[in-house]
Amino acid sequence: NRSSDLLDLTGVAQVPLSWTISRIDEGPKRVSLSSTDPEYFKVIHPFKTTFGDKLNPEIEKIERIEHPRLYSKFMQEKEVLERKRAYDVASGRAVIEKNLFHGTPTDDAVVLQIIHSGFNRSYAGRTTGKKYGAGAYFAEKSLLSHNYTRPDSSGKRVMFYCRVLLGLWTVGSPNFVEPPLIDPKESKTNRFDSTVNSTENPTIFASCFRDNLAYPAYLITYKVKY
C-alpha cells in the first residue's frame, strides 16, 4: 500500500485507512464487509471468477482481518524483499507480492491459529504434502484452494485471501526445507525466495519458508452445492 492509503498507529507500522482498529494492542479483529463495500468486490471478484463454472459458491460473509502486530511484521519483510530484489523487479524477473488464496478446514482452532499467528511453516505438509517444499501453499485460483477446504457439519467452508511475498521463485521439490541457492558457485547464501509448480505459468506458490511472509488479509465463508 502507498503511504497515502495508510494510517499511523502508535508503536506500529502504518495500517490501511479502511481499518477500524485504533491501537497497537488491539486485535486481531474480524470485520464483516458489507456487500456494497468496494473492498468486498475486490475479494469476491477474483474468488468467483477463478472458481470455475461447475460450482456456484454461495458467499455467507467476507471478513477483513485487522491484526496490527502481524501486519507490521509482514510489511517489514516486504520492505526487506523490495530492497533485496529491486534489480530483479525492474528487469521483470521477480514479483514482490501477489494476492493468493489459501484453503483450510472449517476448524475454529486452525482458523484462529492463522488469524492470530499467521502461517506456521512447522505445519507444512500435514494436510497438503510437500510437493514443492516445506512452505505454506497458496494458489491463484480459488477452485484449487477449495480442494483443501473441509466443510463443517452445516456445509460451511472457509478460505483465506492473502497478501503473499514471493520475490524470485523456482520450481519446488519435496526435499526443499528452504528455497535452493540461485547460483551455488556465486553465493552460498543468496537463495530463491519461494517455490512454484511452474516457472512459465505458476499457479501454486509455496512461501513462508520463514515467518511473516504472508498476511491473512480476508476470510471468506461460503458453501457449495454439488
C-alpha atoms as a PDB file:
ATOM      1  CA  ASN A   1       0.000   0.000   0.000  1.00  0.00           C
ATOM      2  CA  ARG A   2       1.087   3.549  -0.663  1.00  0.00           C
ATOM      3  CA  SER A   3       1.735   5.784   2.343  1.00  0.00           C
ATOM      4  CA  SER A   4      -1.304   7.935   1.429  1.00  0.00           C
ATOM      5  CA  ASP A   5      -3.512   4.867   1.934  1.00  0.00           C
ATOM      6  CA  LEU A   6      -2.139   4.092   5.375  1.00  0.00           C
ATOM      7  CA  LEU A   7      -2.972   5.121   8.917  1.00  0.00           C
ATOM      8  CA  ASP A   8      -0.362   5.615  11.643  1.00  0.00           C
ATOM      9  CA  LEU A   9      -0.767   3.706  14.893  1.00  0.00           C
ATOM     10  CA  THR A  10       1.450   4.428  17.862  1.00  0.00           C
ATOM     11  CA  GLY A  11       4.346   1.980  18.022  1.00  0.00           C
ATOM     12  CA  VAL A  12       3.422   0.044  14.895  1.00  0.00           C
ATOM     13  CA  ALA A  13       3.867   0.326  11.157  1.00  0.00           C
ATOM     14  CA  GLN A  14       1.116   2.054   9.221  1.00  0.00           C
ATOM     15  CA  VAL A  15      -2.058   0.091   8.572  1.00  0.00           C
ATOM     16  CA  PRO A  16      -4.691   0.534   5.819  1.00  0.00           C
ATOM     17  CA  LEU A  17      -7.018   3.514   6.261  1.00  0.00           C
ATOM     18  CA  SER A  18     -10.070   1.276   5.968  1.00  0.00           C
ATOM     19  CA  TRP A  19      -9.211  -0.494   9.213  1.00  0.00           C
ATOM     20  CA  THR A  20     -11.401   0.193  12.249  1.00  0.00           C
ATOM     21  CA  ILE A  21      -8.691  -0.645  14.757  1.00  0.00           C
ATOM     22  CA  SER A  22      -7.076   2.305  16.510  1.00  0.00           C
ATOM     23  CA  ARG A  23      -4.409   0.973  18.874  1.00  0.00           C
ATOM     24  CA  ILE A  24      -1.409  -1.304  18.564  1.00  0.00           C
ATOM     25  CA  ASP A  25      -2.606  -3.584  21.366  1.00  0.00           C
ATOM     26  CA  GLU A  26      -5.980  -4.173  19.725  1.00  0.00           C
ATOM     27  CA  GLY A  27      -6.691  -7.205  17.644  1.00  0.00           C
ATOM     28  CA  PRO A  28      -6.747  -9.397  15.929  1.00  0.00           C
ATOM     29  CA  LYS A  29     -10.181  -8.195  14.896  1.00  0.00           C
ATOM     30  CA  ARG A  30     -12.545  -9.653  12.289  1.00  0.00           C
ATOM     31  CA  VAL A  31     -14.653  -7.063  10.477  1.00  0.00           C
ATOM     32  CA  SER A  32     -17.523  -8.251   8.259  1.00  0.00           C
ATOM     33  CA  LEU A  33     -17.633  -6.354   4.974  1.00  0.00           C
ATOM     34  CA  SER A  34     -20.872  -5.090   3.524  1.00  0.00           C
ATOM     35  CA  SER A  35     -21.710  -6.498   0.092  1.00  0.00           C
ATOM     36  CA  THR A  36     -21.896  -2.879  -1.123  1.00  0.00           C
ATOM     37  CA  ASP A  37     -18.359  -2.111   0.058  1.00  0.00           C
ATOM     38  CA  PRO A  38     -15.830  -1.746  -2.828  1.00  0.00           C
ATOM     39  CA  GLU A  39     -13.416  -3.783  -0.708  1.00  0.00           C
ATOM     40  CA  TYR A  40     -15.928  -6.651  -0.732  1.00  0.00           C
ATOM     41  CA  PHE A  41     -15.930  -6.599  -4.529  1.00  0.00           C
ATOM     42  CA  LYS A  42     -12.106  -6.669  -4.614  1.00  0.00           C
ATOM     43  CA  VAL A  43     -12.254 -10.017  -2.811  1.00  0.00           C
ATOM     44  CA  ILE A  44     -15.353 -11.636  -4.268  1.00  0.00           C
ATOM     45  CA  HIS A  45     -14.465 -10.864  -7.888  1.00  0.00           C
ATOM     46  CA  PRO A  46     -11.230 -12.931  -8.035  1.00  0.00           C
ATOM     47  CA  PHE A  47     -12.817 -15.580  -5.793  1.00  0.00           C
ATOM     48  CA  LYS A  48     -15.797 -16.174  -8.090  1.00  0.00           C
ATOM     49  CA  THR A  49     -14.032 -15.686 -11.422  1.00  0.00           C
ATOM     50  CA  THR A  50     -11.393 -18.311 -10.590  1.00  0.00           C
ATOM     51  CA  PHE A  51     -13.817 -20.820  -9.072  1.00  0.00           C
ATOM     52  CA  GLY A  52     -14.939 -22.222 -12.411  1.00  0.00           C
ATOM     53  CA  ASP A  53     -18.347 -22.779 -13.989  1.00  0.00           C
ATOM     54  CA  LYS A  54     -19.340 -26.126 -12.478  1.00  0.00           C
ATOM     55  CA  LEU A  55     -19.681 -24.879  -8.905  1.00  0.00           C
ATOM     56  CA  ASN A  56     -21.520 -21.749  -7.851  1.00  0.00           C
ATOM     57  CA  PRO A  57     -20.301 -20.827  -4.362  1.00  0.00           C
ATOM     58  CA  GLU A  58     -22.702 -19.008  -2.076  1.00  0.00           C
ATOM     59  CA  ILE A  59     -20.881 -16.394  -0.028  1.00  0.00           C
ATOM     60  CA  GLU A  60     -22.017 -16.170   3.577  1.00  0.00           C
ATOM     61  CA  LYS A  61     -19.583 -13.437   4.593  1.00  0.00           C
ATOM     62  CA  ILE A  62     -16.215 -11.875   3.917  1.00  0.00           C
ATOM     63  CA  GLU A  63     -14.254 -10.676   6.925  1.00  0.00           C
ATOM     64  CA  ARG A  64     -11.274  -8.349   6.924  1.00  0.00           C
ATOM     65  CA  ILE A  65      -8.556  -9.406   9.375  1.00  0.00           C
ATOM     66  CA  GLU A  66      -7.139  -6.476  11.327  1.00  0.00           C
ATOM     67  CA  HIS A  67      -4.021  -7.512  13.231  1.00  0.00           C
ATOM     68  CA  PRO A  68      -1.586  -4.573  13.606  1.00  0.00           C
ATOM     69  CA  ARG A  69       1.354  -6.501  15.013  1.00  0.00           C
ATOM     70  CA  LEU A  70       1.180  -9.268  12.410  1.00  0.00           C
ATOM     71  CA  TYR A  71       0.651  -6.722   9.634  1.00  0.00           C
ATOM     72  CA  SER A  72       3.636  -4.695  10.845  1.00  0.00           C
ATOM     73  CA  LYS A  73       5.907  -7.749  10.700  1.00  0.00           C
ATOM     74  CA  PHE A  74       4.656  -8.565   7.198  1.00  0.00           C
ATOM     75  CA  MET A  75       5.324  -5.017   5.978  1.00  0.00           C
ATOM     76  CA  GLN A  76       8.837  -5.106   7.450  1.00  0.00           C
ATOM     77  CA  GLU A  77       9.543  -8.295   5.495  1.00  0.00           C
ATOM     78  CA  LYS A  78       8.134  -6.648   2.366  1.00  0.00           C
ATOM     79  CA  GLU A  79      10.496  -3.683   2.724  1.00  0.00           C
ATOM     80  CA  VAL A  80      13.453  -6.057   3.095  1.00  0.00           C
ATOM     81  CA  LEU A  81      12.415  -8.007  -0.009  1.00  0.00           C
ATOM     82  CA  GLU A  82      11.879  -4.811  -2.035  1.00  0.00           C
ATOM     83  CA  ARG A  83      15.440  -3.681  -1.277  1.00  0.00           C
ATOM     84  CA  LYS A  84      16.863  -7.138  -1.911  1.00  0.00           C
ATOM     85  CA  ARG A  85      15.088  -7.680  -5.249  1.00  0.00           C
ATOM     86  CA  ALA A  86      14.908  -4.135  -6.637  1.00  0.00           C
ATOM     87  CA  TYR A  87      17.018  -5.015  -9.695  1.00  0.00           C
ATOM     88  CA  ASP A  88      15.136  -8.258 -10.342  1.00  0.00           C
ATOM     89  CA  VAL A  89      11.772  -6.491 -10.169  1.00  0.00           C
ATOM     90  CA  ALA A  90      12.954  -3.784 -12.562  1.00  0.00           C
ATOM     91  CA  SER A  91      14.149  -6.430 -15.026  1.00  0.00           C
ATOM     92  CA  GLY A  92      10.895  -8.391 -14.746  1.00  0.00           C
ATOM     93  CA  ARG A  93      12.461 -11.431 -13.080  1.00  0.00           C
ATOM     94  CA  ALA A  94      10.785 -11.048  -9.676  1.00  0.00           C
ATOM     95  CA  VAL A  95       7.378 -10.184  -8.237  1.00  0.00           C
ATOM     96  CA  ILE A  96       7.335  -8.806  -4.722  1.00  0.00           C
ATOM     97  CA  GLU A  97       3.752  -9.562  -3.767  1.00  0.00           C
ATOM     98  CA  LYS A  98       0.625 -11.331  -5.005  1.00  0.00           C
ATOM     99  CA  ASN A  99      -2.883 -11.765  -3.670  1.00  0.00           C
ATOM    100  CA  LEU A 100      -3.445 -15.520  -3.383  1.00  0.00           C
ATOM    101  CA  PHE A 101      -5.908 -17.991  -1.868  1.00  0.00           C
ATOM    102  CA  HIS A 102      -5.328 -20.488   0.917  1.00  0.00           C
ATOM    103  CA  GLY A 103      -7.918 -23.179   1.679  1.00  0.00           C
ATOM    104  CA  THR A 104      -8.153 -24.670   5.142  1.00  0.00           C
ATOM    105  CA  PRO A 105     -10.534 -26.927   7.114  1.00  0.00           C
ATOM    106  CA  THR A 106     -13.503 -25.225   8.791  1.00  0.00           C
ATOM    107  CA  ASP A 107     -11.979 -25.775  12.193  1.00  0.00           C
ATOM    108  CA  ASP A 108     -12.012 -22.908  14.693  1.00  0.00           C
ATOM    109  CA  ALA A 109      -8.636 -23.917  16.125  1.00  0.00           C
ATOM    110  CA  VAL A 110      -6.956 -23.874  12.688  1.00  0.00           C
ATOM    111  CA  VAL A 111      -8.626 -20.651  11.560  1.00  0.00           C
ATOM    112  CA  LEU A 112      -7.851 -18.811  14.793  1.00  0.00           C
ATOM    113  CA  GLN A 113      -4.250 -20.006  14.706  1.00  0.00           C
ATOM    114  CA  ILE A 114      -3.768 -18.450  11.268  1.00  0.00           C
ATOM    115  CA  ILE A 115      -5.551 -15.226  12.239  1.00  0.00           C
ATOM    116  CA  HIS A 116      -3.541 -14.817  15.428  1.00  0.00           C
ATOM    117  CA  SER A 117      -0.117 -16.047  14.303  1.00  0.00           C
ATOM    118  CA  GLY A 118      -0.065 -16.191  10.504  1.00  0.00           C
ATOM    119  CA  PHE A 119       1.111 -19.197   8.513  1.00  0.00           C
ATOM    120  CA  ASN A 120       3.277 -21.531  10.559  1.00  0.00           C
ATOM    121  CA  ARG A 121       5.773 -23.416   8.397  1.00  0.00           C
ATOM    122  CA  SER A 122       6.129 -26.111  11.066  1.00  0.00           C
ATOM    123  CA  TYR A 123       2.703 -27.398   9.944  1.00  0.00           C
ATOM    124  CA  ALA A 124       3.834 -27.684   6.324  1.00  0.00           C
ATOM    125  CA  GLY A 125       2.819 -30.922   4.656  1.00  0.00           C
ATOM    126  CA  ARG A 126       0.424 -32.203   7.304  1.00  0.00           C
ATOM    127  CA  THR A 127      -2.609 -31.950   5.033  1.00  0.00           C
ATOM    128  CA  THR A 128      -1.260 -30.934   1.611  1.00  0.00           C
ATOM    129  CA  GLY A 129       2.082 -32.734   1.326  1.00  0.00           C
ATOM    130  CA  LYS A 130       5.367 -31.078   0.440  1.00  0.00           C
ATOM    131  CA  LYS A 131       5.497 -31.418  -3.329  1.00  0.00           C
ATOM    132  CA  TYR A 132       7.172 -28.021  -3.744  1.00  0.00           C
ATOM    133  CA  GLY A 133       8.930 -27.774  -0.403  1.00  0.00           C
ATOM    134  CA  ALA A 134       8.208 -27.205   3.279  1.00  0.00           C
ATOM    135  CA  GLY A 135       6.398 -23.886   2.990  1.00  0.00           C
ATOM    136  CA  ALA A 136       2.794 -22.739   3.244  1.00  0.00           C
ATOM    137  CA  TYR A 137       0.890 -23.207  -0.003  1.00  0.00           C
ATOM    138  CA  PHE A 138      -1.174 -20.627  -1.878  1.00  0.00           C
ATOM    139  CA  ALA A 139      -2.983 -20.570  -5.214  1.00  0.00           C
ATOM    140  CA  GLU A 140      -4.029 -18.003  -7.806  1.00  0.00           C
ATOM    141  CA  LYS A 141      -7.297 -19.845  -8.413  1.00  0.00           C
ATOM    142  CA  SER A 142      -9.837 -20.187  -5.636  1.00  0.00           C
ATOM    143  CA  LEU A 143     -11.018 -23.509  -7.101  1.00  0.00           C
ATOM    144  CA  LEU A 144      -7.620 -25.037  -6.433  1.00  0.00           C
ATOM    145  CA  SER A 145      -7.614 -23.809  -2.830  1.00  0.00           C
ATOM    146  CA  HIS A 146     -11.190 -25.072  -2.473  1.00  0.00           C
ATOM    147  CA  ASN A 147      -9.814 -28.602  -2.804  1.00  0.00           C
ATOM    148  CA  TYR A 148      -8.031 -28.125   0.524  1.00  0.00           C
ATOM    149  CA  THR A 149     -11.054 -26.869   2.443  1.00  0.00           C
ATOM    150  CA  ARG A 150     -13.187 -29.113   4.631  1.00  0.00           C
ATOM    151  CA  PRO A 151     -16.810 -28.255   5.434  1.00  0.00           C
ATOM    152  CA  ASP A 152     -18.275 -28.215   8.902  1.00  0.00           C
ATOM    153  CA  SER A 153     -21.496 -30.063   9.753  1.00  0.00           C
ATOM    154  CA  SER A 154     -23.598 -27.298   8.168  1.00  0.00           C
ATOM    155  CA  GLY A 155     -21.607 -27.340   4.925  1.00  0.00           C
ATOM    156  CA  LYS A 156     -19.746 -24.098   5.548  1.00  0.00           C
ATOM    157  CA  ARG A 157     -16.224 -23.780   4.177  1.00  0.00           C
ATOM    158  CA  VAL A 158     -13.540 -21.151   4.721  1.00  0.00           C
ATOM    159  CA  MET A 159     -10.757 -19.769   2.580  1.00  0.00           C
ATOM    160  CA  PHE A 160      -8.227 -17.018   3.213  1.00  0.00           C
ATOM    161  CA  TYR A 161      -7.401 -14.361   0.629  1.00  0.00           C
ATOM    162  CA  CYS A 162      -3.842 -13.399   1.447  1.00  0.00           C
ATOM    163  CA  ARG A 163      -1.072 -10.965   0.663  1.00  0.00           C
ATOM    164  CA  VAL A 164       1.928 -13.173  -0.101  1.00  0.00           C
ATOM    165  CA  LEU A 165       5.590 -12.191  -0.591  1.00  0.00           C
ATOM    166  CA  LEU A 166       7.243 -14.130  -3.419  1.00  0.00           C
ATOM    167  CA  GLY A 167      10.348 -12.410  -4.830  1.00  0.00           C
ATOM    168  CA  LEU A 168      12.367 -14.709  -7.066  1.00  0.00           C
ATOM    169  CA  TRP A 169      10.896 -18.183  -7.458  1.00  0.00           C
ATOM    170  CA  THR A 170      11.931 -21.530  -8.851  1.00  0.00           C
ATOM    171  CA  VAL A 171      10.258 -24.914  -9.297  1.00  0.00           C
ATOM    172  CA  GLY A 172       9.956 -26.636  -5.949  1.00  0.00           C
ATOM    173  CA  SER A 173      10.877 -30.113  -4.773  1.00  0.00           C
ATOM    174  CA  PRO A 174       9.653 -32.272  -1.854  1.00  0.00           C
ATOM    175  CA  ASN A 175      13.108 -32.248  -0.265  1.00  0.00           C
ATOM    176  CA  PHE A 176      13.334 -28.427  -0.023  1.00  0.00           C
ATOM    177  CA  VAL A 177      13.272 -27.267   3.592  1.00  0.00           C
ATOM    178  CA  GLU A 178      14.098 -23.828   2.196  1.00  0.00           C
ATOM    179  CA  PRO A 179      14.362 -22.497  -1.364  1.00  0.00           C
ATOM    180  CA  PRO A 180      17.562 -23.551  -3.162  1.00  0.00           C
ATOM    181  CA  LEU A 181      20.593 -21.383  -3.879  1.00  0.00           C
ATOM    182  CA  ILE A 182      20.262 -19.260  -7.023  1.00  0.00           C
ATOM    183  CA  ASP A 183      23.853 -19.893  -8.104  1.00  0.00           C
ATOM    184  CA  PRO A 184      25.884 -22.087  -5.720  1.00  0.00           C
ATOM    185  CA  LYS A 185      29.119 -21.120  -7.477  1.00  0.00           C
ATOM    186  CA  GLU A 186      28.470 -17.413  -6.973  1.00  0.00           C
ATOM    187  CA  SER A 187      26.972 -17.320  -3.480  1.00  0.00           C
ATOM    188  CA  LYS A 188      26.345 -19.745  -0.645  1.00  0.00           C
ATOM    189  CA  THR A 189      23.679 -17.512   0.909  1.00  0.00           C
ATOM    190  CA  ASN A 190      21.677 -15.990  -1.971  1.00  0.00           C
ATOM    191  CA  ARG A 191      18.619 -18.214  -2.253  1.00  0.00           C
ATOM    192  CA  PHE A 192      15.382 -18.047  -4.184  1.00  0.00           C
ATOM    193  CA  ASP A 193      12.580 -16.566  -2.089  1.00  0.00           C
ATOM    194  CA  SER A 194       9.774 -19.013  -2.905  1.00  0.00           C
ATOM    195  CA  THR A 195       8.944 -22.084  -4.957  1.00  0.00           C
ATOM    196  CA  VAL A 196       6.249 -22.793  -7.556  1.00  0.00           C
ATOM    197  CA  ASN A 197       4.782 -25.578  -9.645  1.00  0.00           C
ATOM    198  CA  SER A 198       5.954 -23.961 -12.902  1.00  0.00           C
ATOM    199  CA  THR A 199       8.216 -21.023 -13.701  1.00  0.00           C
ATOM    200  CA  GLU A 200       6.472 -20.443 -17.033  1.00  0.00           C
ATOM    201  CA  ASN A 201       2.934 -20.160 -15.707  1.00  0.00           C
ATOM    202  CA  PRO A 202       2.852 -20.683 -11.937  1.00  0.00           C
ATOM    203  CA  THR A 203      -0.486 -21.379 -10.270  1.00  0.00           C
ATOM    204  CA  ILE A 204       0.731 -22.884  -6.982  1.00  0.00           C
ATOM    205  CA  PHE A 205       3.111 -20.942  -4.751  1.00  0.00           C
ATOM    206  CA  ALA A 206       4.989 -22.130  -1.680  1.00  0.00           C
ATOM    207  CA  SER A 207       6.013 -19.244   0.554  1.00  0.00           C
ATOM    208  CA  CYS A 208       6.534 -18.766   4.305  1.00  0.00           C
ATOM    209  CA  PHE A 209       9.754 -20.742   4.473  1.00  0.00           C
ATOM    210  CA  ARG A 210      10.342 -18.027   7.087  1.00  0.00           C
ATOM    211  CA  ASP A 211       7.813 -16.321   9.356  1.00  0.00           C
ATOM    212  CA  ASN A 212       5.699 -13.338   8.333  1.00  0.00           C
ATOM    213  CA  LEU A 213       5.964 -13.715   4.556  1.00  0.00           C
ATOM    214  CA  ALA A 214       2.180 -13.819   4.137  1.00  0.00           C
ATOM    215  CA  TYR A 215      -0.654 -11.886   5.731  1.00  0.00           C
ATOM    216  CA  PRO A 216      -4.162 -13.438   6.051  1.00  0.00           C
ATOM    217  CA  ALA A 217      -5.989 -10.332   4.847  1.00  0.00           C
ATOM    218  CA  TYR A 218      -9.513 -11.729   4.410  1.00  0.00           C
ATOM    219  CA  LEU A 219     -11.503 -14.764   5.496  1.00  0.00           C
ATOM    220  CA  ILE A 220     -14.210 -15.953   3.104  1.00  0.00           C
ATOM    221  CA  THR A 221     -17.001 -18.159   4.468  1.00  0.00           C
ATOM    222  CA  TYR A 222     -19.047 -19.937   1.810  1.00  0.00           C
ATOM    223  CA  LYS A 223     -20.985 -23.033   0.747  1.00  0.00           C
ATOM    224  CA  VAL A 224     -21.129 -25.005  -2.473  1.00  0.00           C
ATOM    225  CA  LYS A 225     -23.924 -27.159  -3.878  1.00  0.00           C
ATOM    226  CA  TYR A 226     -22.847 -30.349  -5.638  1.00  0.00           C
END
